[in-house]
Protein backbone atom coordinates (compact mmCIF):
# COMPACT_ATOMS: atom_id res chain seq x y z
CA MET A 1 118.68 99.60 134.08
CA ALA A 2 117.35 96.82 136.35
CA ALA A 3 115.80 93.77 134.86
CA PRO A 4 111.92 93.75 134.60
CA GLU A 5 109.82 92.23 137.55
CA GLU A 6 107.93 90.22 135.47
CA ALA A 7 109.83 87.51 133.41
CA SER A 8 108.54 86.29 130.04
CA GLU A 9 108.78 82.59 131.32
CA ALA A 10 106.29 81.51 128.58
CA ALA A 11 108.91 82.44 125.86
CA SER A 12 111.68 80.37 124.83
CA GLU A 13 115.15 81.70 124.36
CA ASP A 14 115.20 80.84 120.65
CA GLY A 15 111.78 82.37 119.94
CA PHE A 16 111.46 85.26 122.02
CA ILE A 17 109.75 87.20 119.10
CA ARG A 18 108.13 84.40 117.12
CA LEU A 19 106.28 84.65 113.88
CA ASP A 20 104.56 81.99 111.85
CA GLY A 21 103.11 82.57 108.57
CA VAL A 22 101.85 86.01 109.55
CA GLU A 23 99.60 87.95 106.95
CA LYS A 24 98.13 91.31 107.05
CA VAL A 25 95.60 92.19 104.27
CA PHE A 26 93.80 95.46 103.92
CA ASP A 27 90.67 95.93 101.93
CA VAL A 28 91.37 99.43 99.84
CA ARG A 29 88.45 101.31 98.24
CA ARG A 30 88.98 103.66 95.20
CA LYS A 31 86.79 105.31 92.92
CA THR A 32 86.53 104.14 89.43
CA GLY A 33 83.90 106.55 88.01
CA PHE A 34 80.61 108.26 88.84
CA MET A 35 79.12 106.70 91.99
CA ARG A 36 81.27 103.53 91.42
CA ARG A 37 83.82 102.32 93.77
CA GLU A 38 85.82 99.04 93.73
CA THR A 39 87.41 97.16 96.70
CA ARG A 40 90.84 95.45 96.16
CA GLU A 41 92.92 93.43 98.53
CA VAL A 42 96.55 94.82 99.32
CA ARG A 43 98.93 92.19 101.16
CA ALA A 44 100.92 94.37 103.27
CA VAL A 45 102.46 91.24 104.84
CA ASP A 46 102.37 88.03 103.06
CA GLY A 47 103.10 84.85 105.14
CA ILE A 48 106.15 86.22 107.01
CA SER A 49 107.76 83.64 109.64
CA PHE A 50 110.88 84.42 111.65
CA SER A 51 112.04 84.19 115.37
CA VAL A 52 114.21 86.54 117.24
CA ARG A 53 116.31 85.36 120.25
CA ARG A 54 116.26 87.10 123.53
CA GLY A 55 119.05 89.91 123.63
CA GLU A 56 119.38 89.98 119.74
CA MET A 57 119.71 93.33 117.82
CA VAL A 58 118.28 92.51 114.20
CA GLY A 59 117.73 94.94 111.41
CA TYR A 60 114.71 94.54 109.77
CA ILE A 61 114.80 96.64 106.31
CA GLY A 62 113.33 96.98 102.99
CA PRO A 63 112.10 99.94 100.84
CA ASN A 64 109.15 102.20 101.42
CA GLY A 65 105.95 100.29 101.41
CA ALA A 66 107.65 96.88 101.91
CA GLY A 67 105.68 95.89 105.20
CA LYS A 68 108.27 97.01 107.70
CA SER A 69 105.89 99.33 109.84
CA THR A 70 103.13 97.07 109.35
CA THR A 71 105.01 94.17 111.03
CA ILE A 72 106.12 96.61 113.84
CA LYS A 73 102.55 97.32 114.37
CA MET A 74 101.37 93.79 114.65
CA LEU A 75 104.28 93.12 116.94
CA THR A 76 102.95 95.83 119.31
CA GLY A 77 99.38 94.79 119.18
CA ILE A 78 98.29 98.19 117.21
CA LEU A 79 97.24 95.89 114.03
CA THR A 80 95.60 92.47 114.40
CA PRO A 81 97.25 89.97 111.80
CA SER A 82 94.84 88.47 109.13
CA GLY A 83 96.43 85.20 109.34
CA GLY A 84 99.28 83.10 110.98
CA ARG A 85 100.43 83.14 114.33
CA LEU A 86 102.56 85.80 116.40
CA ARG A 87 104.05 85.83 119.79
CA VAL A 88 106.08 88.32 121.58
CA ALA A 89 107.68 87.20 125.07
CA GLY A 90 105.09 84.45 125.29
CA LEU A 91 102.15 86.81 124.43
CA ASP A 92 99.67 87.28 121.62
CA PRO A 93 100.01 90.92 120.83
CA ALA A 94 96.54 91.73 119.78
CA ARG A 95 94.68 89.95 122.45
CA GLU A 96 96.98 90.87 125.33
CA ARG A 97 97.97 94.34 124.13
CA THR A 98 97.77 95.81 127.69
CA ARG A 99 99.83 93.09 129.45
CA LEU A 100 102.39 93.05 126.61
CA ALA A 101 102.97 96.79 127.00
CA ARG A 102 104.86 96.47 130.17
CA HIS A 103 107.57 94.19 128.20
CA ILE A 104 108.08 96.33 125.04
CA GLY A 105 109.12 100.00 124.05
CA VAL A 106 108.34 101.55 120.80
CA VAL A 107 110.04 104.54 118.92
CA PHE A 108 108.62 105.54 115.62
CA GLY A 109 110.95 108.00 113.86
CA GLN A 110 108.38 110.25 112.34
CA ARG A 111 106.05 110.23 115.66
CA THR A 112 106.41 111.23 119.21
CA THR A 113 105.11 109.60 122.41
CA LEU A 114 106.00 113.07 124.33
CA TRP A 115 103.53 115.52 125.25
CA TRP A 116 104.10 118.21 122.89
CA ASP A 117 103.56 121.63 124.86
CA LEU A 118 105.09 119.96 128.20
CA PRO A 119 108.82 120.12 129.41
CA LEU A 120 110.52 117.20 128.20
CA ILE A 121 110.87 115.99 132.42
CA ASP A 122 107.01 116.20 132.57
CA SER A 123 106.62 113.52 129.88
CA TYR A 124 108.85 111.29 131.81
CA ARG A 125 106.98 111.77 135.23
CA LEU A 126 103.87 111.02 133.39
CA MET A 127 105.33 107.62 132.07
CA HIS A 128 106.41 107.25 135.67
CA ARG A 129 102.86 107.18 136.75
CA MET A 130 101.53 105.33 133.55
CA TYR A 131 103.71 102.29 133.78
CA ARG A 132 103.61 102.32 137.71
CA ILE A 133 107.64 102.20 137.59
CA PRO A 134 109.17 101.93 141.33
CA ASP A 135 110.46 105.47 142.45
CA ALA A 136 114.03 103.97 142.75
CA ARG A 137 113.74 102.27 139.37
CA PHE A 138 112.71 105.06 137.47
CA LYS A 139 115.37 107.44 139.05
CA GLU A 140 118.05 105.07 138.14
CA ASN A 141 116.80 104.50 134.51
CA LEU A 142 116.12 108.39 133.94
CA GLU A 143 119.81 109.25 135.15
CA ARG A 144 121.14 106.52 132.83
CA CYS A 145 119.41 107.63 129.62
CA VAL A 146 119.94 111.28 130.58
CA GLU A 147 123.85 110.77 130.79
CA LEU A 148 124.22 108.34 127.59
CA LEU A 149 121.72 110.32 125.56
CA ASP A 150 122.93 113.93 126.47
CA LEU A 151 119.51 114.82 127.53
CA GLY A 152 120.61 117.06 130.82
CA GLU A 153 120.10 120.66 129.37
CA LEU A 154 116.73 119.63 127.54
CA LEU A 155 114.84 118.40 130.38
CA SER A 156 113.24 121.71 131.10
CA VAL A 157 112.47 122.72 127.53
CA PRO A 158 108.99 122.13 125.87
CA VAL A 159 108.98 119.29 123.32
CA ARG A 160 107.77 121.59 120.68
CA GLN A 161 111.17 123.39 120.93
CA LEU A 162 113.11 120.62 120.71
CA SER A 163 115.25 119.72 117.23
CA LEU A 164 114.46 116.45 115.34
CA GLY A 165 117.55 114.85 116.90
CA GLN A 166 116.86 116.30 120.44
CA ARG A 167 113.41 114.87 120.43
CA MET A 168 114.35 111.49 118.91
CA ARG A 169 116.75 110.91 121.92
CA GLY A 170 114.03 112.08 124.15
CA ASP A 171 111.50 109.56 122.54
CA ILE A 172 114.15 106.66 123.06
CA ALA A 173 114.82 107.54 126.59
CA ALA A 174 110.83 107.64 127.14
CA ALA A 175 110.39 104.15 125.60
CA LEU A 176 113.00 102.90 127.95
CA LEU A 177 111.96 104.11 131.31
CA HIS A 178 109.98 101.09 132.34
CA ASP A 179 112.67 98.52 131.48
CA PRO A 180 110.96 96.95 128.40
CA GLU A 181 112.70 93.63 127.31
CA VAL A 182 111.86 94.38 123.73
CA LEU A 183 112.61 97.71 121.84
CA TYR A 184 111.16 98.49 118.35
CA LEU A 185 112.84 101.14 116.60
CA ASP A 186 111.12 102.33 113.37
CA GLU A 187 113.68 104.80 111.30
CA PRO A 188 115.19 106.12 114.90
CA THR A 189 117.94 108.12 112.75
CA ILE A 190 115.83 109.86 109.95
CA GLY A 191 116.77 113.32 109.37
CA LEU A 192 119.20 113.30 112.23
CA ASP A 193 122.58 114.88 111.76
CA VAL A 194 125.95 113.18 112.22
CA VAL A 195 126.41 113.77 115.82
CA SER A 196 123.08 112.92 116.99
CA LYS A 197 123.01 109.47 114.87
CA ALA A 198 126.40 108.74 116.64
CA LYS A 199 124.91 109.46 120.10
CA VAL A 200 121.99 107.25 119.29
CA ARG A 201 123.87 104.18 118.16
CA GLY A 202 126.30 104.29 120.89
CA PHE A 203 123.35 104.45 123.34
CA LEU A 204 121.85 101.32 121.58
CA ARG A 205 125.08 99.42 121.70
CA GLU A 206 125.63 100.01 125.45
CA LEU A 207 121.88 99.13 126.23
CA ASN A 208 122.07 95.80 124.36
CA ALA A 209 125.56 94.99 125.74
CA THR A 210 124.77 95.89 129.48
CA VAL A 211 121.12 95.17 129.89
CA GLY A 212 120.60 92.60 127.14
CA THR A 213 117.38 94.32 125.77
CA THR A 214 116.17 92.64 122.59
CA VAL A 215 116.21 95.32 119.63
CA LEU A 216 114.14 95.11 116.11
CA LEU A 217 115.45 98.08 113.96
CA THR A 218 114.04 99.21 110.65
CA THR A 219 116.15 101.73 108.81
CA HIS A 220 117.19 103.06 105.55
CA ASP A 221 120.62 103.90 106.67
CA LEU A 222 122.83 100.91 106.33
CA THR A 223 125.20 102.60 108.57
CA ASP A 224 122.77 101.79 111.39
CA ILE A 225 122.83 98.09 110.48
CA GLU A 226 126.63 97.79 109.78
CA GLN A 227 127.11 99.43 113.57
CA LEU A 228 124.55 97.84 115.53
CA CYS A 229 123.24 94.51 114.04
CA ARG A 230 124.89 91.21 113.39
CA ARG A 231 121.77 89.78 111.62
CA VAL A 232 119.57 91.65 109.10
CA MET A 233 116.25 90.65 107.56
CA VAL A 234 115.04 91.85 104.27
CA ILE A 235 111.42 92.35 103.24
CA ASP A 236 110.00 93.49 99.99
CA HIS A 237 106.48 93.20 98.76
CA GLY A 238 105.37 91.95 102.09
CA ARG A 239 107.67 88.76 101.85
CA LEU A 240 110.67 87.88 103.73
CA MET A 241 113.60 87.80 101.06
CA TYR A 242 116.67 87.25 103.19
CA ASP A 243 117.54 86.41 106.60
CA GLY A 244 121.49 86.53 107.56
CA GLY A 245 124.71 88.70 107.65
CA LEU A 246 125.36 91.87 105.99
CA ALA A 247 128.08 90.71 104.35
CA GLY A 248 125.59 87.86 103.01
CA LEU A 249 123.16 90.45 101.91
CA HIS A 250 125.91 92.37 99.62
CA GLU A 251 126.95 89.17 98.24
CA VAL A 252 123.27 88.26 97.17
CA GLY A 253 122.64 91.51 95.87
CA GLU A 254 126.20 92.22 94.43
CA SER A 255 126.37 95.58 95.84
CA GLU A 256 129.02 98.00 95.53
CA ARG A 257 130.33 100.99 97.38
CA THR A 258 131.50 104.18 95.83
CA LEU A 259 135.03 105.76 96.34
CA VAL A 260 134.89 109.16 95.42
CA VAL A 261 138.56 110.72 94.95
CA ASP A 262 139.78 114.50 94.72
CA LEU A 263 143.20 114.50 93.13
CA GLU A 264 145.34 117.88 92.93
CA ARG A 265 144.68 118.14 89.26
CA GLU A 266 142.77 116.54 86.25
CA HIS A 267 143.98 113.04 85.62
CA PRO A 268 143.31 110.04 83.37
CA PRO A 269 141.00 107.54 84.99
CA ILE A 270 142.46 105.89 87.87
CA GLU A 271 143.34 102.24 87.04
CA LEU A 272 143.16 99.46 89.93
CA GLU A 273 142.58 95.61 89.65
CA SER A 274 139.93 95.78 92.46
CA ALA A 275 137.98 98.77 91.59
CA ARG A 276 136.45 100.28 88.30
CA THR A 277 136.55 104.03 87.56
CA VAL A 278 132.83 104.89 86.69
CA ARG A 279 132.92 108.81 86.22
CA VAL A 280 135.70 111.49 85.84
CA ASP A 281 134.58 115.23 86.39
CA GLY A 282 137.99 117.34 86.43
CA PRO A 283 140.22 116.45 89.16
CA ARG A 284 137.30 114.33 91.02
CA GLN A 285 136.78 110.63 89.95
CA TRP A 286 134.23 107.74 91.01
CA LEU A 287 135.41 104.30 91.46
CA MET A 288 133.27 101.38 92.38
CA PHE A 289 134.19 98.24 94.43
CA PRO A 290 132.68 95.35 96.01
CA ALA A 291 130.67 96.23 99.30
CA THR A 292 132.25 93.18 100.78
CA ALA A 293 135.84 94.42 100.23
CA SER A 294 137.98 96.71 102.50
CA ALA A 295 138.30 100.17 101.36
CA ALA A 296 141.65 100.41 103.06
CA PRO A 297 143.92 98.88 100.40
CA LEU A 298 142.28 100.76 97.73
CA VAL A 299 142.93 104.21 99.59
CA ALA A 300 146.58 103.11 100.30
CA ARG A 301 147.20 102.52 96.44
CA ILE A 302 145.56 105.73 95.47
CA ALA A 303 147.46 107.79 98.13
CA ASP A 304 150.86 105.97 96.81
CA GLN A 305 150.37 106.38 93.36
CA TYR A 306 148.25 109.43 92.70
CA PRO A 307 148.23 113.20 93.75
CA LEU A 308 145.36 112.52 96.53
CA VAL A 309 143.72 115.49 98.26
CA ASP A 310 140.78 113.99 99.68
CA LEU A 311 138.45 110.90 99.41
CA SER A 312 135.16 109.62 100.76
CA VAL A 313 133.33 106.39 100.86
CA ARG A 314 129.62 106.33 99.94
CA GLU A 315 127.54 103.33 101.03
CA PRO A 316 125.43 101.36 98.81
CA ASP A 317 122.03 102.33 98.36
CA ILE A 318 120.00 99.56 100.17
CA GLU A 319 116.78 100.02 97.86
CA ALA A 320 118.96 99.46 94.74
CA VAL A 321 120.24 96.15 96.45
CA ILE A 322 116.82 94.89 97.23
CA ALA A 323 115.55 96.02 93.89
CA ARG A 324 118.21 93.79 92.16
CA MET A 325 117.53 90.96 94.59
CA TYR A 326 113.81 91.09 93.60
CA THR A 327 114.66 91.11 90.05
CA GLU A 328 116.66 88.15 89.96
CA ARG A 329 114.23 86.36 92.16
CA ARG A 330 111.51 86.82 89.86
CA VAL A 331 113.89 85.78 87.08
CA GLY A 332 114.65 82.59 89.08
CA GLU A 333 110.90 81.77 89.52
CA GLY A 334 110.16 82.50 85.66
CA GLY A 335 108.01 85.47 86.37
């Protein structure tokens, strides 16, 4: 993909995306009795500050209702902040939404920007006209997306007939045809099978490495983060709780992975210094070990000392990690 014609000269490299004390407050009305209603404030985003450098790929994670999607909607100009300052590529999203649209691409995992009853290629042709993409660039970008996302056989298929994984790949391609400098991905792998997830992740790695597209990724799938992002931010109750590497997140949350071991026959609990057996059900056993540790030494020792048939590794539940962080934070603050 070619570089955008309009350079974001107003944005510094260190603060290509920048939020300073950003808030979003909603007034929620609810019925409390006959002919009576009360209004209460809900702080979806509560004083968040961070910056993202040009070309970074950052994971933005948290439990449902934490404020992730609200943040993305403010970054795109869909919502206006209640307070604070926000800039993307040197632009104010709420005031310069039309101008910003040329610099950003957005994919919401549970919604589509494609035209439901049209073949996939017709949606792309409409994008071609809407964004006034030069013909040569459109052709080049479309060919690249079709190849890397394996869309060749789907171009003539109406969007309503695509599977979830196929539609998601189609949406990602649509978001990139106009060469955005920033790509926002809100749960891009939700509900996808293993093959579709692998294709999406591989494409995003290629895009970031070759074009330098800045990516902000929200997801509940820690594997997305592990394979794509060096940096992760955790939001909960509208507040930024962590900003750093994934290993640091596991350390802060003291998270653990689960090794599920299938043996040839029933066996007493497996005993290893670096793991603890938490459950035994016939020939199957569950062992917990620190998420920051490698599973390879454990697997090697089990294979050497026990009648191993099969095993699998389960990643920690990110919501459990965040819940632990939140609880410890409240205790530390005396809450």
